[in-house]
C-alpha atoms as a PDB file:
ATOM      1  CA  MET A   1     109.429 -43.742 172.058  1.00  0.00           C
ATOM      2  CA  LEU A   2     108.003 -44.693 168.694  1.00  0.00           C
ATOM      3  CA  ASN A   3     105.098 -47.106 168.510  1.00  0.00           C
ATOM      4  CA  GLU A   4     105.298 -50.112 166.192  1.00  0.00           C
ATOM      5  CA  ARG A   5     103.528 -48.433 163.274  1.00  0.00           C
ATOM      6  CA  ARG A   6     105.829 -45.413 163.383  1.00  0.00           C
ATOM      7  CA  LYS A   7     108.870 -47.671 163.598  1.00  0.00           C
ATOM      8  CA  LYS A   8     107.730 -49.623 160.562  1.00  0.00           C
ATOM      9  CA  LEU A   9     106.926 -46.410 158.694  1.00  0.00           C
ATOM     10  CA  LEU A  10     110.343 -44.933 159.430  1.00  0.00           C
ATOM     11  CA  LYS A  11     112.039 -48.164 158.348  1.00  0.00           C
ATOM     12  CA  LEU A  12     110.124 -48.192 155.073  1.00  0.00           C
ATOM     13  CA  ILE A  13     110.954 -44.553 154.345  1.00  0.00           C
ATOM     14  CA  VAL A  14     114.660 -44.960 155.098  1.00  0.00           C
ATOM     15  CA  GLU A  15     114.989 -48.076 152.958  1.00  0.00           C
ATOM     16  CA  GLU A  16     112.972 -46.602 150.093  1.00  0.00           C
ATOM     17  CA  TYR A  17     115.046 -43.421 150.116  1.00  0.00           C
ATOM     18  CA  ILE A  18     118.294 -45.428 150.202  1.00  0.00           C
ATOM     19  CA  LYS A  19     117.162 -47.227 147.034  1.00  0.00           C
ATOM     20  CA  THR A  20     115.662 -44.337 145.072  1.00  0.00           C
ATOM     21  CA  ALA A  21     117.115 -41.065 146.448  1.00  0.00           C
ATOM     22  CA  THR A  22     113.590 -39.714 145.913  1.00  0.00           C
ATOM     23  CA  PRO A  23     111.531 -38.122 148.721  1.00  0.00           C
ATOM     24  CA  VAL A  24     108.945 -40.632 149.929  1.00  0.00           C
ATOM     25  CA  GLY A  25     105.240 -39.764 149.837  1.00  0.00           C
ATOM     26  CA  SER A  26     102.336 -41.390 151.628  1.00  0.00           C
ATOM     27  CA  SER A  27     100.592 -42.957 148.633  1.00  0.00           C
ATOM     28  CA  GLY A  28     102.980 -45.875 148.128  1.00  0.00           C
ATOM     29  CA  LEU A  29     102.934 -46.881 151.803  1.00  0.00           C
ATOM     30  CA  CYS A  30      99.224 -47.570 152.338  1.00  0.00           C
ATOM     31  CA  ASP A  31      99.346 -51.240 151.391  1.00  0.00           C
ATOM     32  CA  GLU A  32     102.497 -51.880 153.425  1.00  0.00           C
ATOM     33  CA  LEU A  33     100.975 -50.444 156.589  1.00  0.00           C
ATOM     34  CA  ASN A  34      97.361 -51.387 155.881  1.00  0.00           C
ATOM     35  CA  CYS A  35      95.986 -47.935 156.653  1.00  0.00           C
ATOM     36  CA  SER A  36      94.739 -44.852 154.832  1.00  0.00           C
ATOM     37  CA  SER A  37      96.864 -42.236 153.164  1.00  0.00           C
ATOM     38  CA  ALA A  38      95.554 -39.665 155.653  1.00  0.00           C
ATOM     39  CA  THR A  39      96.734 -41.777 158.588  1.00  0.00           C
ATOM     40  CA  ILE A  40     100.183 -42.174 157.032  1.00  0.00           C
ATOM     41  CA  ARG A  41     100.411 -38.416 156.419  1.00  0.00           C
ATOM     42  CA  ASN A  42      99.623 -37.817 160.081  1.00  0.00           C
ATOM     43  CA  GLU A  43     102.270 -40.305 161.170  1.00  0.00           C
ATOM     44  CA  MET A  44     104.811 -38.760 158.782  1.00  0.00           C
ATOM     45  CA  SER A  45     104.032 -35.350 160.252  1.00  0.00           C
ATOM     46  CA  PHE A  46     104.670 -36.754 163.736  1.00  0.00           C
ATOM     47  CA  LEU A  47     108.023 -38.205 162.648  1.00  0.00           C
ATOM     48  CA  GLU A  48     108.943 -34.887 161.043  1.00  0.00           C
ATOM     49  CA  GLU A  49     107.933 -32.826 164.079  1.00  0.00           C
ATOM     50  CA  ASN A  50     110.029 -35.097 166.295  1.00  0.00           C
ATOM     51  CA  GLY A  51     113.132 -34.858 164.113  1.00  0.00           C
ATOM     52  CA  TYR A  52     113.161 -38.243 162.363  1.00  0.00           C
ATOM     53  CA  LEU A  53     112.149 -36.977 158.916  1.00  0.00           C
ATOM     54  CA  GLU A  54     112.733 -33.825 156.896  1.00  0.00           C
ATOM     55  CA  LYS A  55     110.641 -32.233 154.171  1.00  0.00           C
ATOM     56  CA  THR A  56     112.376 -31.090 151.029  1.00  0.00           C
ATOM     57  CA  HIS A  57     111.538 -27.901 149.176  1.00  0.00           C
ATOM     58  CA  THR A  58     111.082 -29.709 145.875  1.00  0.00           C
ATOM     59  CA  SER A  59     108.574 -32.371 146.907  1.00  0.00           C
ATOM     60  CA  SER A  60     105.748 -33.091 149.320  1.00  0.00           C
ATOM     61  CA  GLY A  61     107.545 -36.302 150.297  1.00  0.00           C
ATOM     62  CA  ARG A  62     109.878 -36.770 153.252  1.00  0.00           C
ATOM     63  CA  VAL A  63     113.492 -37.853 153.575  1.00  0.00           C
ATOM     64  CA  PRO A  64     115.258 -39.246 156.645  1.00  0.00           C
ATOM     65  CA  SER A  65     117.108 -36.815 158.873  1.00  0.00           C
ATOM     66  CA  GLU A  66     120.396 -37.720 160.561  1.00  0.00           C
ATOM     67  CA  MET A  67     118.338 -38.536 163.657  1.00  0.00           C
ATOM     68  CA  GLY A  68     116.137 -40.782 161.528  1.00  0.00           C
ATOM     69  CA  TYR A  69     119.114 -42.643 160.104  1.00  0.00           C
ATOM     70  CA  ARG A  70     120.560 -43.005 163.597  1.00  0.00           C
ATOM     71  CA  TYR A  71     117.317 -44.495 164.955  1.00  0.00           C
ATOM     72  CA  TYR A  72     117.177 -46.828 161.956  1.00  0.00           C
ATOM     73  CA  VAL A  73     120.759 -48.063 162.443  1.00  0.00           C
ATOM     74  CA  ASP A  74     120.383 -48.491 166.199  1.00  0.00           C
ATOM     75  CA  ASN A  75     116.891 -49.991 166.345  1.00  0.00           C
ATOM     76  CA  LEU A  76     115.433 -51.003 162.988  1.00  0.00           C
ATOM     77  CA  MET A  77     118.238 -52.273 160.783  1.00  0.00           C
ATOM     78  CA  GLU A  78     118.298 -56.034 160.272  1.00  0.00           C
ATOM     79  CA  PRO A  79     121.379 -58.124 159.495  1.00  0.00           C
ATOM     80  CA  LYS A  80     121.545 -58.606 155.750  1.00  0.00           C
ATOM     81  CA  LYS A  81     122.661 -61.931 154.358  1.00  0.00           C
ATOM     82  CA  MET A  82     125.466 -61.558 151.838  1.00  0.00           C
ATOM     83  CA  THR A  83     124.828 -62.668 148.277  1.00  0.00           C
ATOM     84  CA  GLY A  84     126.643 -65.708 146.958  1.00  0.00           C
ATOM     85  CA  GLU A  85     128.338 -63.490 144.364  1.00  0.00           C
ATOM     86  CA  ASP A  86     129.714 -61.136 147.036  1.00  0.00           C
ATOM     87  CA  VAL A  87     130.981 -64.046 149.130  1.00  0.00           C
ATOM     88  CA  LEU A  88     132.659 -65.646 146.110  1.00  0.00           C
ATOM     89  CA  LYS A  89     134.458 -62.443 145.106  1.00  0.00           C
ATOM     90  CA  LEU A  90     135.890 -61.989 148.603  1.00  0.00           C
ATOM     91  CA  GLN A  91     136.589 -65.661 149.278  1.00  0.00           C
ATOM     92  CA  ARG A  92     138.906 -65.780 146.252  1.00  0.00           C
ATOM     93  CA  ILE A  93     141.080 -63.179 147.967  1.00  0.00           C
ATOM     94  CA  PHE A  94     141.104 -64.933 151.340  1.00  0.00           C
ATOM     95  CA  ASP A  95     141.942 -68.288 149.729  1.00  0.00           C
ATOM     96  CA  ASN A  96     144.850 -66.899 147.691  1.00  0.00           C
ATOM     97  CA  LYS A  97     147.866 -68.210 149.621  1.00  0.00           C
ATOM     98  CA  SER A  98     150.316 -66.205 147.508  1.00  0.00           C
ATOM     99  CA  LEU A  99     149.089 -62.910 148.959  1.00  0.00           C
ATOM    100  CA  VAL A 100     150.667 -61.346 152.035  1.00  0.00           C
ATOM    101  CA  LEU A 101     148.342 -60.046 154.735  1.00  0.00           C
ATOM    102  CA  SER A 102     148.481 -56.392 153.678  1.00  0.00           C
ATOM    103  CA  ASP A 103     147.473 -57.339 150.117  1.00  0.00           C
ATOM    104  CA  VAL A 104     144.588 -59.494 151.373  1.00  0.00           C
ATOM    105  CA  ILE A 105     143.200 -56.554 153.348  1.00  0.00           C
ATOM    106  CA  THR A 106     143.615 -53.932 150.622  1.00  0.00           C
ATOM    107  CA  ARG A 107     142.268 -56.140 147.826  1.00  0.00           C
ATOM    108  CA  SER A 108     139.226 -57.195 149.824  1.00  0.00           C
ATOM    109  CA  MET A 109     138.461 -53.538 150.572  1.00  0.00           C
ATOM    110  CA  GLU A 110     138.878 -52.682 146.884  1.00  0.00           C
ATOM    111  CA  ILE A 111     136.194 -55.266 146.132  1.00  0.00           C
ATOM    112  CA  ILE A 112     133.891 -53.757 148.782  1.00  0.00           C
ATOM    113  CA  SER A 113     134.326 -50.364 147.124  1.00  0.00           C
ATOM    114  CA  GLU A 114     133.226 -51.883 143.817  1.00  0.00           C
ATOM    115  CA  ILE A 115     130.303 -53.756 145.380  1.00  0.00           C
ATOM    116  CA  THR A 116     128.937 -50.784 147.346  1.00  0.00           C
ATOM    117  CA  ASN A 117     129.963 -47.932 145.037  1.00  0.00           C
ATOM    118  CA  CYS A 118     131.472 -46.208 148.072  1.00  0.00           C
ATOM    119  CA  THR A 119     134.995 -45.243 149.086  1.00  0.00           C
ATOM    120  CA  SER A 120     136.946 -47.835 151.074  1.00  0.00           C
ATOM    121  CA  LEU A 121     139.892 -47.162 153.354  1.00  0.00           C
ATOM    122  CA  VAL A 122     142.582 -49.229 155.016  1.00  0.00           C
ATOM    123  CA  LEU A 123     144.482 -47.327 157.682  1.00  0.00           C
ATOM    124  CA  GLY A 124     147.323 -49.441 158.998  1.00  0.00           C
ATOM    125  CA  ALA A 125     149.580 -48.930 161.966  1.00  0.00           C
ATOM    126  CA  ASN A 126     152.636 -46.744 161.567  1.00  0.00           C
ATOM    127  CA  SER A 127     155.311 -48.677 159.659  1.00  0.00           C
ATOM    128  CA  ALA A 128     157.783 -47.882 162.438  1.00  0.00           C
ATOM    129  CA  PHE A 129     156.124 -50.542 164.607  1.00  0.00           C
ATOM    130  CA  ASN A 130     157.059 -53.225 162.074  1.00  0.00           C
ATOM    131  CA  LYS A 131     160.421 -55.007 162.007  1.00  0.00           C
ATOM    132  CA  LEU A 132     162.347 -55.617 158.825  1.00  0.00           C
ATOM    133  CA  LYS A 133     161.942 -59.174 157.554  1.00  0.00           C
ATOM    134  CA  GLN A 134     163.302 -58.961 154.021  1.00  0.00           C
ATOM    135  CA  VAL A 135     164.386 -56.523 151.329  1.00  0.00           C
ATOM    136  CA  GLU A 136     164.160 -57.246 147.624  1.00  0.00           C
ATOM    137  CA  ALA A 137     165.250 -55.095 144.681  1.00  0.00           C
ATOM    138  CA  VAL A 138     163.986 -55.563 141.136  1.00  0.00           C
ATOM    139  CA  PRO A 139     165.726 -53.616 138.310  1.00  0.00           C
ATOM    140  CA  PHE A 140     163.122 -52.535 135.758  1.00  0.00           C
ATOM    141  CA  GLU A 141     164.834 -49.796 133.737  1.00  0.00           C
ATOM    142  CA  ASN A 142     168.452 -48.883 133.047  1.00  0.00           C
ATOM    143  CA  ASN A 143     168.739 -46.599 136.065  1.00  0.00           C
ATOM    144  CA  LYS A 144     165.766 -47.595 138.193  1.00  0.00           C
ATOM    145  CA  VAL A 145     165.090 -50.247 140.809  1.00  0.00           C
ATOM    146  CA  LEU A 146     161.893 -51.225 142.595  1.00  0.00           C
ATOM    147  CA  ALA A 147     162.790 -51.702 146.262  1.00  0.00           C
ATOM    148  CA  ILE A 148     160.386 -53.979 148.146  1.00  0.00           C
ATOM    149  CA  VAL A 149     160.379 -54.046 151.944  1.00  0.00           C
ATOM    150  CA  ILE A 150     158.570 -56.848 153.805  1.00  0.00           C
ATOM    151  CA  THR A 151     157.996 -56.663 157.558  1.00  0.00           C
ATOM    152  CA  ASP A 152     157.457 -59.284 160.222  1.00  0.00           C
ATOM    153  CA  LYS A 153     153.756 -58.344 160.356  1.00  0.00           C
ATOM    154  CA  GLY A 154     153.206 -59.129 156.670  1.00  0.00           C
ATOM    155  CA  HIS A 155     153.253 -55.458 155.714  1.00  0.00           C
ATOM    156  CA  VAL A 156     154.719 -54.678 152.284  1.00  0.00           C
ATOM    157  CA  GLU A 157     156.063 -51.341 151.082  1.00  0.00           C
ATOM    158  CA  HIS A 158     157.665 -50.547 147.751  1.00  0.00           C
ATOM    159  CA  LYS A 159     159.451 -47.568 146.308  1.00  0.00           C
ATOM    160  CA  GLU A 160     160.991 -46.717 142.977  1.00  0.00           C
ATOM    161  CA  LEU A 161     164.689 -45.850 143.366  1.00  0.00           C
ATOM    162  CA  ASN A 162     166.762 -43.930 140.857  1.00  0.00           C
ATOM    163  CA  VAL A 163     170.282 -45.394 141.140  1.00  0.00           C
ATOM    164  CA  GLY A 164     171.999 -43.747 138.158  1.00  0.00           C
ATOM    165  CA  ASP A 165     173.305 -45.074 134.877  1.00  0.00           C
ATOM    166  CA  ASN A 166     176.543 -46.717 136.000  1.00  0.00           C
ATOM    167  CA  VAL A 167     175.280 -49.039 138.726  1.00  0.00           C
ATOM    168  CA  LEU A 168     175.548 -52.730 137.906  1.00  0.00           C
ATOM    169  CA  PRO A 169     172.790 -55.238 138.856  1.00  0.00           C
ATOM    170  CA  SER A 170     175.431 -57.213 140.762  1.00  0.00           C
ATOM    171  CA  GLU A 171     176.108 -54.158 142.948  1.00  0.00           C
ATOM    172  CA  ILE A 172     172.424 -53.734 143.736  1.00  0.00           C
ATOM    173  CA  LYS A 173     172.243 -57.414 144.632  1.00  0.00           C
ATOM    174  CA  LYS A 174     175.229 -57.075 146.990  1.00  0.00           C
ATOM    175  CA  VAL A 175     173.683 -54.115 148.840  1.00  0.00           C
ATOM    176  CA  VAL A 176     170.447 -56.049 149.300  1.00  0.00           C
ATOM    177  CA  GLU A 177     172.419 -59.016 150.648  1.00  0.00           C
ATOM    178  CA  LEU A 178     174.187 -56.757 153.165  1.00  0.00           C
ATOM    179  CA  ILE A 179     170.904 -55.257 154.361  1.00  0.00           C
ATOM    180  CA  ASN A 180     169.262 -58.661 154.716  1.00  0.00           C
ATOM    181  CA  LYS A 181     172.286 -60.052 156.546  1.00  0.00           C
ATOM    182  CA  LEU A 182     172.797 -57.192 159.002  1.00  0.00           C
ATOM    183  CA  LEU A 183     169.454 -55.435 159.458  1.00  0.00           C
ATOM    184  CA  VAL A 184     166.736 -58.119 159.479  1.00  0.00           C
ATOM    185  CA  GLY A 185     164.819 -57.889 162.763  1.00  0.00           C
ATOM    186  CA  THR A 186     165.425 -54.142 163.100  1.00  0.00           C
ATOM    187  CA  PRO A 187     162.343 -51.923 163.704  1.00  0.00           C
ATOM    188  CA  LEU A 188     161.774 -49.858 160.559  1.00  0.00           C
ATOM    189  CA  ASP A 189     162.200 -46.592 162.427  1.00  0.00           C
ATOM    190  CA  GLU A 190     165.759 -47.668 163.329  1.00  0.00           C
ATOM    191  CA  VAL A 191     166.838 -48.970 159.926  1.00  0.00           C
ATOM    192  CA  SER A 192     168.012 -45.591 158.580  1.00  0.00           C
ATOM    193  CA  SER A 193     170.225 -45.104 161.622  1.00  0.00           C
ATOM    194  CA  LYS A 194     171.715 -48.590 161.306  1.00  0.00           C
ATOM    195  CA  LEU A 195     172.294 -48.038 157.600  1.00  0.00           C
ATOM    196  CA  GLU A 196     174.347 -44.995 158.475  1.00  0.00           C
ATOM    197  CA  PHE A 197     176.387 -46.511 161.287  1.00  0.00           C
ATOM    198  CA  GLU A 198     176.644 -50.180 160.273  1.00  0.00           C
ATOM    199  CA  ILE A 199     176.260 -50.375 156.494  1.00  0.00           C
ATOM    200  CA  LYS A 200     177.811 -47.101 155.313  1.00  0.00           C
ATOM    201  CA  PRO A 201     181.282 -47.738 156.837  1.00  0.00           C
ATOM    202  CA  ILE A 202     181.643 -51.104 155.072  1.00  0.00           C
ATOM    203  CA  ILE A 203     179.633 -50.772 151.870  1.00  0.00           C
ATOM    204  CA  GLY A 204     182.612 -49.379 149.972  1.00  0.00           C
ATOM    205  CA  ASN A 205     184.440 -52.690 150.476  1.00  0.00           C
ATOM    206  CA  TYR A 206     181.818 -54.506 148.412  1.00  0.00           C
ATOM    207  CA  VAL A 207     180.263 -52.019 146.013  1.00  0.00           C
ATOM    208  CA  LYS A 208     181.932 -49.564 143.648  1.00  0.00           C
ATOM    209  CA  SER A 209     178.906 -47.272 143.336  1.00  0.00           C
ATOM    210  CA  HIS A 210     178.415 -47.314 147.088  1.00  0.00           C
ATOM    211  CA  GLU A 211     177.505 -43.637 147.596  1.00  0.00           C
ATOM    212  CA  THR A 212     174.669 -43.713 145.061  1.00  0.00           C
ATOM    213  CA  LEU A 213     173.211 -46.979 146.321  1.00  0.00           C
ATOM    214  CA  TYR A 214     173.599 -46.109 149.982  1.00  0.00           C
ATOM    215  CA  GLN A 215     171.781 -42.791 149.532  1.00  0.00           C
ATOM    216  CA  ALA A 216     168.963 -44.380 147.518  1.00  0.00           C
ATOM    217  CA  PHE A 217     168.265 -47.045 150.145  1.00  0.00           C
ATOM    218  CA  TYR A 218     168.749 -44.603 153.032  1.00  0.00           C
ATOM    219  CA  ASN A 219     166.123 -42.247 151.569  1.00  0.00           C
ATOM    220  CA  ALA A 220     163.712 -45.138 150.968  1.00  0.00           C
ATOM    221  CA  PHE A 221     163.940 -46.471 154.526  1.00  0.00           C
ATOM    222  CA  ASN A 222     163.704 -42.982 155.965  1.00  0.00           C
ATOM    223  CA  GLU A 223     160.404 -42.577 154.126  1.00  0.00           C
ATOM    224  CA  PHE A 224     159.133 -46.022 155.151  1.00  0.00           C
ATOM    225  CA  SER A 225     159.834 -45.369 158.819  1.00  0.00           C
ATOM    226  CA  TYR A 226     157.548 -42.355 158.954  1.00  0.00           C
ATOM    227  CA  LYS A 227     154.974 -43.409 156.446  1.00  0.00           C
ATOM    228  CA  ASN A 228     151.581 -44.444 157.720  1.00  0.00           C
ATOM    229  CA  HIS A 229     150.157 -47.297 155.684  1.00  0.00           C
ATOM    230  CA  MET A 230     147.064 -45.928 153.982  1.00  0.00           C
ATOM    231  CA  HIS A 231     145.143 -47.379 151.079  1.00  0.00           C
ATOM    232  CA  MET A 232     142.073 -45.771 149.515  1.00  0.00           C
ATOM    233  CA  SER A 233     139.829 -47.231 146.807  1.00  0.00           C
ATOM    234  CA  GLY A 234     137.000 -45.570 144.925  1.00  0.00           C
ATOM    235  CA  ARG A 235     137.867 -42.018 145.943  1.00  0.00           C
ATOM    236  CA  THR A 236     135.614 -40.555 143.246  1.00  0.00           C
ATOM    237  CA  LYS A 237     132.748 -43.030 143.568  1.00  0.00           C
ATOM    238  CA  LEU A 238     130.775 -40.672 145.828  1.00  0.00           C
ATOM    239  CA  LEU A 239     130.579 -38.228 142.942  1.00  0.00           C
ATOM    240  CA  ASP A 240     128.084 -40.588 141.294  1.00  0.00           C
ATOM    241  CA  TYR A 241     125.531 -39.716 144.000  1.00  0.00           C
ATOM    242  CA  GLN A 242     123.230 -36.753 143.515  1.00  0.00           C
ATOM    243  CA  GLU A 243     124.075 -35.521 147.020  1.00  0.00           C
ATOM    244  CA  PHE A 244     127.442 -34.453 145.638  1.00  0.00           C
ATOM    245  CA  ASP A 245     126.272 -32.609 142.553  1.00  0.00           C
ATOM    246  CA  SER A 246     127.629 -29.173 143.485  1.00  0.00           C
ATOM    247  CA  VAL A 247     131.158 -28.159 142.543  1.00  0.00           C
ATOM    248  CA  SER A 248     131.898 -26.799 146.027  1.00  0.00           C
ATOM    249  CA  LYS A 249     130.846 -30.047 147.756  1.00  0.00           C
ATOM    250  CA  VAL A 250     132.876 -32.157 145.349  1.00  0.00           C
ATOM    251  CA  LYS A 251     135.954 -29.975 145.730  1.00  0.00           C
ATOM    252  CA  ASP A 252     135.676 -29.964 149.520  1.00  0.00           C
ATOM    253  CA  LEU A 253     135.292 -33.753 149.721  1.00  0.00           C
ATOM    254  CA  LEU A 254     138.180 -34.504 147.355  1.00  0.00           C
ATOM    255  CA  ASN A 255     140.423 -32.089 149.250  1.00  0.00           C
ATOM    256  CA  LYS A 256     139.649 -33.981 152.469  1.00  0.00           C
ATOM    257  CA  PHE A 257     140.501 -37.307 150.824  1.00  0.00           C
ATOM    258  CA  ASP A 258     143.841 -35.790 149.760  1.00  0.00           C
ATOM    259  CA  ASP A 259     144.600 -34.596 153.300  1.00  0.00           C
ATOM    260  CA  GLU A 260     146.227 -37.424 155.293  1.00  0.00           C
ATOM    261  CA  LYS A 261     145.477 -35.748 158.627  1.00  0.00           C
ATOM    262  CA  MET A 262     141.773 -35.525 157.740  1.00  0.00           C
ATOM    263  CA  VAL A 263     141.655 -39.133 156.569  1.00  0.00           C
ATOM    264  CA  ARG A 264     143.400 -40.253 159.762  1.00  0.00           C
ATOM    265  CA  LYS A 265     140.392 -38.911 161.700  1.00  0.00           C
ATOM    266  CA  ILE A 266     138.549 -41.966 160.370  1.00  0.00           C
ATOM    267  CA  GLU A 267     140.711 -44.357 162.425  1.00  0.00           C
ATOM    268  CA  ALA A 268     138.570 -46.693 164.537  1.00  0.00           C
ATOM    269  CA  GLU A 269     138.592 -46.497 168.319  1.00  0.00           C
ATOM    270  CA  ASP A 270     137.562 -50.078 169.076  1.00  0.00           C
ATOM    271  CA  ASN A 271     136.915 -53.515 167.590  1.00  0.00           C
ATOM    272  CA  ASN A 272     133.185 -53.040 167.081  1.00  0.00           C
ATOM    273  CA  ILE A 273     131.693 -52.133 163.726  1.00  0.00           C
ATOM    274  CA  ASN A 274     130.498 -48.591 164.348  1.00  0.00           C
ATOM    275  CA  VAL A 275     128.376 -46.310 162.194  1.00  0.00           C
ATOM    276  CA  TYR A 276     128.947 -42.540 162.234  1.00  0.00           C
ATOM    277  CA  ILE A 277     126.334 -40.491 160.417  1.00  0.00           C
ATOM    278  CA  GLY A 278     126.900 -36.968 159.142  1.00  0.00           C
ATOM    279  CA  HIS A 279     128.266 -34.651 161.819  1.00  0.00           C
ATOM    280  CA  GLU A 280     129.112 -37.650 164.054  1.00  0.00           C
ATOM    281  CA  ASN A 281     132.091 -38.737 161.941  1.00  0.00           C
ATOM    282  CA  ASN A 282     134.448 -35.734 162.298  1.00  0.00           C
ATOM    283  CA  PHE A 283     135.329 -36.073 158.600  1.00  0.00           C
ATOM    284  CA  ASP A 284     132.497 -34.608 156.542  1.00  0.00           C
ATOM    285  CA  ASP A 285     128.905 -33.735 157.481  1.00  0.00           C
ATOM    286  CA  ASP A 286     127.553 -34.988 154.141  1.00  0.00           C
ATOM    287  CA  VAL A 287     128.786 -38.574 154.492  1.00  0.00           C
ATOM    288  CA  SER A 288     128.470 -41.555 156.782  1.00  0.00           C
ATOM    289  CA  VAL A 289     131.450 -43.633 157.881  1.00  0.00           C
ATOM    290  CA  ILE A 290     131.251 -47.298 158.896  1.00  0.00           C
ATOM    291  CA  LYS A 291     134.470 -48.583 160.412  1.00  0.00           C
ATOM    292  CA  THR A 292     136.116 -51.129 162.654  1.00  0.00           C
ATOM    293  CA  LYS A 293     139.550 -51.918 163.995  1.00  0.00           C
ATOM    294  CA  TYR A 294     141.319 -55.152 163.063  1.00  0.00           C
ATOM    295  CA  ASN A 295     144.057 -56.868 165.048  1.00  0.00           C
ATOM    296  CA  ILE A 296     146.161 -59.592 163.470  1.00  0.00           C
ATOM    297  CA  ALA A 297     149.186 -61.001 165.269  1.00  0.00           C
ATOM    298  CA  GLY A 298     149.571 -57.738 167.153  1.00  0.00           C
ATOM    299  CA  GLU A 299     149.232 -55.476 164.104  1.00  0.00           C
ATOM    300  CA  GLU A 300     146.295 -53.079 164.358  1.00  0.00           C
ATOM    301  CA  GLY A 301     144.589 -51.037 161.707  1.00  0.00           C
ATOM    302  CA  THR A 302     141.241 -49.696 160.535  1.00  0.00           C
ATOM    303  CA  ILE A 303     138.992 -50.760 157.686  1.00  0.00           C
ATOM    304  CA  ALA A 304     136.285 -48.270 156.778  1.00  0.00           C
ATOM    305  CA  ILE A 305     133.651 -47.418 154.196  1.00  0.00           C
ATOM    306  CA  VAL A 306     132.740 -43.800 153.430  1.00  0.00           C
ATOM    307  CA  GLY A 307     129.440 -43.238 151.627  1.00  0.00           C
ATOM    308  CA  PRO A 308     126.440 -40.951 151.409  1.00  0.00           C
ATOM    309  CA  LYS A 309     124.133 -40.756 154.407  1.00  0.00           C
ATOM    310  CA  ARG A 310     121.665 -42.866 152.438  1.00  0.00           C
ATOM    311  CA  MET A 311     124.167 -45.712 151.992  1.00  0.00           C
ATOM    312  CA  ASP A 312     122.955 -49.297 152.330  1.00  0.00           C
ATOM    313  CA  TYR A 313     123.910 -49.675 156.003  1.00  0.00           C
ATOM    314  CA  GLU A 314     122.734 -53.272 156.308  1.00  0.00           C
ATOM    315  CA  ARG A 315     124.864 -54.429 153.386  1.00  0.00           C
ATOM    316  CA  VAL A 316     127.998 -52.495 154.314  1.00  0.00           C
ATOM    317  CA  VAL A 317     127.915 -53.714 157.919  1.00  0.00           C
ATOM    318  CA  ALA A 318     127.544 -57.324 156.720  1.00  0.00           C
ATOM    319  CA  LEU A 319     130.475 -56.936 154.299  1.00  0.00           C
ATOM    320  CA  LEU A 320     132.774 -55.423 156.931  1.00  0.00           C
ATOM    321  CA  GLU A 321     131.846 -58.169 159.411  1.00  0.00           C
ATOM    322  CA  PHE A 322     132.694 -60.801 156.790  1.00  0.00           C
ATOM    323  CA  ILE A 323     136.094 -59.246 156.030  1.00  0.00           C
ATOM    324  CA  LYS A 324     136.949 -58.761 159.695  1.00  0.00           C
ATOM    325  CA  GLN A 325     136.102 -62.393 160.524  1.00  0.00           C
ATOM    326  CA  ASN A 326     138.202 -63.725 157.647  1.00  0.00           C
ATOM    327  CA  ILE A 327     141.331 -61.628 158.167  1.00  0.00           C
ATOM    328  CA  GLU A 328     141.375 -62.236 161.927  1.00  0.00           C
ATOM    329  CA  ARG A 329     140.735 -65.979 161.833  1.00  0.00           C
END
């Protein structure tokens, strides 16, 4: 157990190191703790010997260890009130009635990435658990169409389709009408099968370029059915931190962000906002991950922030709590 002075000292060191990334010495802490520099050095030595602090090779100051950060998060961290500017930025997203749910979540997490200078993640449920609500197709070049799929859970997917040079807009419109008439309400993982057995036999009666259009939409739905909704913002923001100044660390971290299986390890296990520091997070020992699960009308997913171990835990936790409360209300 740490006494009150050691708790306060550890809190001061963690928060100072989060702000400055500079090892903390005893001299600047005397006034805060109302004791001599010698006393503070003794207390810092105690915290180091018991695993809460580490000494760097380049300075006589100390930095928090993973154990120190963990004690801080569990026992010393205080809820941080969000700034009016942060609230305003996020509230604009939540109040925008033109946005579907998936866009509200991803845009709010993009803002958190900007605010915190960390990487944000949205890991949604497998698209196969969504049912088809509507399909739209928007021609945007001579031989290309943007197919937009909307599900009953408010999830939106889009894919660029190459439909060839000889397909008329009226034919594309007719295919979309057929899909919306016959397949709405179908789970996405069954749409490809229904396209093959229900749409393919009759599409030739309505559309001249039926083979080209059928194959384009079949491929798109086949991809949607297996695709896990994943949105990442600020993937390179961690490179601004001095902790990631070596080429090998940067390469390793970026490779993990590119690996869907690795990123999926960040999925939250429960509805609490949990903090995983260093080796605790199963993603990368040099980062911390703060994450929580959301549940809206039966659709589950994860929102998470990935940052350096010296991230501003108080602020990130407050931001995630604010987003979670607003998207689940």
